[in-house]
Amino acid sequence: MAPRQDDSRERMTILGEVNSSSFVPWIRRHADKLGLSQDFFHTGADRIELEVAGPVELIDMLEMGCSLGPIDVWVDEIQRRIVDPVATSHDRQD
């Protein structure tokens, strides 16, 4: 599937008591359901860092889901920053 013009790549940092052993698989499952690609850079008891790519609206939905999270986590804060817009095939004219 080709990236759409409104797709984005963002770094998401989730802070709190995040119990990464259960939360990371939960995030992967929900990101997959939303059709978002994800790469995890740090997983720990107090912080999870990942990069997600896809439509901004779906990244927003993932953030909302993560803020509520599974019962065994407590999310204090979610930080997001745009890493790089996903390039689309019509952006380059070679």
N, C-alpha and C. Protein backbone atom coordinates (compact mmCIF):
# COMPACT_ATOMS: atom_id res chain seq x y z
N MET A 1 0.84 -1.18 0.00
CA MET A 1 0.00 0.00 0.00
C MET A 1 0.89 1.25 0.00
N ALA A 2 0.67 2.13 -0.91
CA ALA A 2 1.49 3.35 -1.03
C ALA A 2 1.09 4.35 0.06
N PRO A 3 2.08 5.08 0.60
CA PRO A 3 1.75 6.10 1.60
C PRO A 3 0.87 7.19 1.00
N ARG A 4 -0.02 7.71 1.81
CA ARG A 4 -0.88 8.80 1.36
C ARG A 4 -0.24 10.13 1.71
N GLN A 5 -0.72 11.17 1.05
CA GLN A 5 -0.14 12.50 1.26
C GLN A 5 -0.32 12.97 2.70
N ASP A 6 -1.38 12.56 3.37
CA ASP A 6 -1.62 13.01 4.74
C ASP A 6 -1.00 12.09 5.79
N ASP A 7 -0.15 11.13 5.35
CA ASP A 7 0.54 10.26 6.30
C ASP A 7 1.66 11.02 7.01
N SER A 8 1.98 10.57 8.19
CA SER A 8 3.00 11.21 9.00
C SER A 8 3.84 10.14 9.68
N ARG A 9 5.05 10.49 10.08
CA ARG A 9 5.90 9.63 10.89
C ARG A 9 6.18 10.41 12.17
N GLU A 10 5.83 9.82 13.31
CA GLU A 10 5.96 10.52 14.58
C GLU A 10 6.68 9.67 15.62
N ARG A 11 7.42 10.35 16.48
CA ARG A 11 8.04 9.70 17.65
C ARG A 11 7.07 9.90 18.81
N MET A 12 6.67 8.81 19.44
CA MET A 12 5.75 8.86 20.57
C MET A 12 6.49 8.35 21.80
N THR A 13 6.49 9.16 22.86
CA THR A 13 7.09 8.77 24.13
C THR A 13 5.98 8.67 25.16
N ILE A 14 5.83 7.49 25.74
CA ILE A 14 4.78 7.24 26.72
C ILE A 14 5.45 7.13 28.09
N LEU A 15 5.04 8.02 29.01
CA LEU A 15 5.66 8.09 30.34
C LEU A 15 4.65 7.68 31.41
N GLY A 16 5.12 7.00 32.44
CA GLY A 16 4.27 6.59 33.55
C GLY A 16 4.72 5.24 34.08
N GLU A 17 3.82 4.54 34.70
CA GLU A 17 4.06 3.16 35.14
C GLU A 17 3.51 2.27 34.03
N VAL A 18 4.37 2.02 33.03
CA VAL A 18 3.87 1.46 31.77
C VAL A 18 4.05 -0.05 31.61
N ASN A 19 4.72 -0.71 32.55
CA ASN A 19 4.81 -2.18 32.51
C ASN A 19 4.96 -2.69 31.08
N SER A 20 6.11 -2.42 30.48
CA SER A 20 6.30 -2.67 29.05
C SER A 20 6.08 -4.12 28.64
N SER A 21 6.23 -5.08 29.56
CA SER A 21 6.05 -6.48 29.17
C SER A 21 4.63 -6.77 28.69
N SER A 22 3.65 -6.07 29.22
CA SER A 22 2.28 -6.27 28.73
C SER A 22 1.82 -5.15 27.79
N PHE A 23 2.36 -3.95 27.98
CA PHE A 23 1.89 -2.79 27.21
C PHE A 23 2.41 -2.81 25.77
N VAL A 24 3.66 -3.23 25.57
CA VAL A 24 4.22 -3.24 24.21
C VAL A 24 3.41 -4.15 23.29
N PRO A 25 3.11 -5.40 23.69
CA PRO A 25 2.27 -6.22 22.81
C PRO A 25 0.88 -5.61 22.59
N TRP A 26 0.35 -4.95 23.60
CA TRP A 26 -0.95 -4.28 23.50
C TRP A 26 -0.88 -3.17 22.45
N ILE A 27 0.19 -2.35 22.52
CA ILE A 27 0.37 -1.26 21.54
C ILE A 27 0.52 -1.84 20.14
N ARG A 28 1.35 -2.88 19.99
CA ARG A 28 1.55 -3.50 18.67
C ARG A 28 0.21 -3.97 18.08
N ARG A 29 -0.58 -4.64 18.90
CA ARG A 29 -1.87 -5.17 18.45
C ARG A 29 -2.79 -4.05 17.97
N HIS A 30 -2.86 -2.97 18.75
CA HIS A 30 -3.76 -1.88 18.39
C HIS A 30 -3.24 -1.08 17.19
N ALA A 31 -1.93 -0.89 17.12
CA ALA A 31 -1.36 -0.20 15.95
C ALA A 31 -1.62 -1.02 14.68
N ASP A 32 -1.47 -2.35 14.79
CA ASP A 32 -1.74 -3.21 13.64
C ASP A 32 -3.20 -3.10 13.22
N LYS A 33 -4.12 -3.07 14.18
CA LYS A 33 -5.54 -2.94 13.86
C LYS A 33 -5.83 -1.64 13.13
N LEU A 34 -5.08 -0.59 13.47
CA LEU A 34 -5.25 0.71 12.84
C LEU A 34 -4.48 0.84 11.53
N GLY A 35 -3.65 -0.15 11.21
CA GLY A 35 -2.86 -0.11 9.98
C GLY A 35 -1.64 0.79 10.08
N LEU A 36 -1.17 1.02 11.32
CA LEU A 36 0.02 1.87 11.54
C LEU A 36 1.26 1.01 11.62
N SER A 37 2.34 1.45 10.99
CA SER A 37 3.61 0.76 11.20
C SER A 37 4.22 1.32 12.47
N GLN A 38 5.01 0.48 13.16
CA GLN A 38 5.62 0.93 14.41
C GLN A 38 6.97 0.29 14.59
N ASP A 39 7.89 1.06 15.19
CA ASP A 39 9.23 0.59 15.56
C ASP A 39 9.47 1.06 16.98
N PHE A 40 9.82 0.13 17.86
CA PHE A 40 10.08 0.48 19.26
C PHE A 40 11.57 0.74 19.45
N PHE A 41 11.90 1.83 20.17
CA PHE A 41 13.28 2.21 20.42
C PHE A 41 13.68 1.99 21.87
N HIS A 42 12.74 2.13 22.78
CA HIS A 42 13.02 1.92 24.20
C HIS A 42 11.77 1.39 24.86
N THR A 43 11.93 0.34 25.65
CA THR A 43 10.82 -0.18 26.44
C THR A 43 11.32 -0.41 27.85
N GLY A 44 10.70 0.22 28.81
CA GLY A 44 11.09 0.09 30.20
C GLY A 44 9.88 0.23 31.10
N ALA A 45 10.12 0.18 32.40
CA ALA A 45 9.03 0.24 33.37
C ALA A 45 8.38 1.62 33.45
N ASP A 46 9.16 2.67 33.09
CA ASP A 46 8.63 4.03 33.22
C ASP A 46 8.54 4.79 31.90
N ARG A 47 8.98 4.16 30.79
CA ARG A 47 8.98 4.89 29.51
C ARG A 47 9.01 3.90 28.36
N ILE A 48 8.20 4.20 27.36
CA ILE A 48 8.21 3.47 26.09
C ILE A 48 8.36 4.51 24.99
N GLU A 49 9.32 4.28 24.09
CA GLU A 49 9.49 5.16 22.94
C GLU A 49 9.32 4.36 21.67
N LEU A 50 8.50 4.88 20.78
CA LEU A 50 8.29 4.22 19.51
C LEU A 50 8.07 5.25 18.42
N GLU A 51 8.25 4.79 17.20
CA GLU A 51 7.95 5.61 16.04
C GLU A 51 6.79 4.96 15.33
N VAL A 52 5.80 5.74 14.98
CA VAL A 52 4.63 5.24 14.27
C VAL A 52 4.46 6.01 12.97
N ALA A 53 3.92 5.35 11.97
CA ALA A 53 3.70 6.00 10.69
C ALA A 53 2.33 5.61 10.16
N GLY A 54 1.65 6.61 9.61
CA GLY A 54 0.34 6.41 9.03
C GLY A 54 -0.43 7.70 9.05
N PRO A 55 -1.72 7.65 8.74
CA PRO A 55 -2.54 8.86 8.77
C PRO A 55 -2.59 9.46 10.17
N VAL A 56 -2.49 10.78 10.25
CA VAL A 56 -2.46 11.49 11.53
C VAL A 56 -3.67 11.14 12.39
N GLU A 57 -4.84 11.02 11.77
CA GLU A 57 -6.06 10.71 12.52
C GLU A 57 -5.94 9.36 13.22
N LEU A 58 -5.29 8.39 12.58
CA LEU A 58 -5.13 7.07 13.19
C LEU A 58 -4.05 7.09 14.27
N ILE A 59 -3.02 7.92 14.09
CA ILE A 59 -2.02 8.09 15.16
C ILE A 59 -2.69 8.72 16.37
N ASP A 60 -3.60 9.68 16.14
CA ASP A 60 -4.38 10.27 17.23
C ASP A 60 -5.18 9.21 17.97
N MET A 61 -5.78 8.28 17.21
CA MET A 61 -6.57 7.22 17.83
C MET A 61 -5.68 6.30 18.67
N LEU A 62 -4.48 6.00 18.17
CA LEU A 62 -3.55 5.17 18.94
C LEU A 62 -3.16 5.88 20.23
N GLU A 63 -2.90 7.19 20.14
CA GLU A 63 -2.55 7.95 21.34
C GLU A 63 -3.68 7.89 22.37
N MET A 64 -4.90 8.06 21.93
CA MET A 64 -6.04 8.00 22.84
C MET A 64 -6.14 6.62 23.49
N GLY A 65 -5.98 5.59 22.69
CA GLY A 65 -6.02 4.23 23.24
C GLY A 65 -4.92 4.00 24.25
N CYS A 66 -3.71 4.47 23.94
CA CYS A 66 -2.57 4.30 24.86
C CYS A 66 -2.78 5.08 26.15
N SER A 67 -3.42 6.24 26.07
CA SER A 67 -3.65 7.03 27.28
C SER A 67 -4.59 6.30 28.22
N LEU A 68 -5.49 5.50 27.69
CA LEU A 68 -6.39 4.70 28.52
C LEU A 68 -5.73 3.37 28.90
N GLY A 69 -5.02 2.78 27.93
CA GLY A 69 -4.20 1.60 28.16
C GLY A 69 -4.89 0.41 28.81
N PRO A 70 -4.15 -0.69 28.94
CA PRO A 70 -4.68 -1.84 29.66
C PRO A 70 -4.71 -1.55 31.17
N ILE A 71 -5.36 -2.40 31.92
CA ILE A 71 -5.61 -2.19 33.35
C ILE A 71 -4.32 -2.12 34.19
N ASP A 72 -3.24 -2.77 33.74
CA ASP A 72 -2.03 -2.84 34.56
C ASP A 72 -1.01 -1.72 34.27
N VAL A 73 -1.41 -0.68 33.54
CA VAL A 73 -0.50 0.45 33.28
C VAL A 73 -1.15 1.74 33.75
N TRP A 74 -0.29 2.72 34.02
CA TRP A 74 -0.75 4.06 34.36
C TRP A 74 0.06 5.04 33.52
N VAL A 75 -0.60 5.67 32.55
CA VAL A 75 0.07 6.61 31.66
C VAL A 75 -0.07 8.01 32.24
N ASP A 76 1.08 8.65 32.53
CA ASP A 76 1.08 10.03 33.02
C ASP A 76 1.06 11.04 31.88
N GLU A 77 1.79 10.72 30.82
CA GLU A 77 1.96 11.69 29.73
C GLU A 77 2.35 10.97 28.45
N ILE A 78 1.88 11.49 27.33
CA ILE A 78 2.31 11.02 26.02
C ILE A 78 2.82 12.22 25.25
N GLN A 79 4.08 12.13 24.83
CA GLN A 79 4.69 13.20 24.05
C GLN A 79 4.78 12.73 22.60
N ARG A 80 4.49 13.63 21.68
CA ARG A 80 4.58 13.31 20.26
C ARG A 80 5.34 14.39 19.53
N ARG A 81 6.14 13.96 18.57
CA ARG A 81 6.77 14.94 17.68
C ARG A 81 6.90 14.33 16.30
N ILE A 82 6.72 15.15 15.31
CA ILE A 82 6.84 14.69 13.92
C ILE A 82 8.31 14.45 13.63
N VAL A 83 8.60 13.26 13.12
CA VAL A 83 9.96 12.91 12.76
C VAL A 83 10.23 13.30 11.33
N ASP A 84 9.36 12.85 10.43
CA ASP A 84 9.55 13.12 9.01
C ASP A 84 8.26 12.73 8.30
N PRO A 85 7.72 13.61 7.51
CA PRO A 85 6.54 13.19 6.75
C PRO A 85 6.91 12.01 5.85
N VAL A 86 6.04 11.04 5.75
CA VAL A 86 6.30 9.90 4.89
C VAL A 86 6.26 10.38 3.45
N ALA A 87 7.32 10.10 2.72
CA ALA A 87 7.41 10.56 1.32
C ALA A 87 6.37 9.83 0.48
N THR A 88 5.81 10.55 -0.44
CA THR A 88 4.86 9.94 -1.36
C THR A 88 5.48 9.91 -2.75
N SER A 89 5.03 9.00 -3.56
CA SER A 89 5.66 8.81 -4.87
C SER A 89 5.52 10.03 -5.77
N HIS A 90 4.47 10.83 -5.60
CA HIS A 90 4.31 11.98 -6.48
C HIS A 90 5.09 13.21 -5.99
N ASP A 91 5.76 13.10 -4.82
CA ASP A 91 6.58 14.21 -4.34
C ASP A 91 7.89 14.33 -5.13
N ARG A 92 8.36 13.21 -5.66
CA ARG A 92 9.63 13.23 -6.39
C ARG A 92 9.36 13.20 -7.89
N GLN A 93 10.00 14.06 -8.59
CA GLN A 93 9.90 14.09 -10.05
C GLN A 93 11.31 13.92 -10.61
N ASP A 94 11.70 12.67 -10.92
CA ASP A 94 13.05 12.41 -11.46
C ASP A 94 13.01 12.34 -12.97
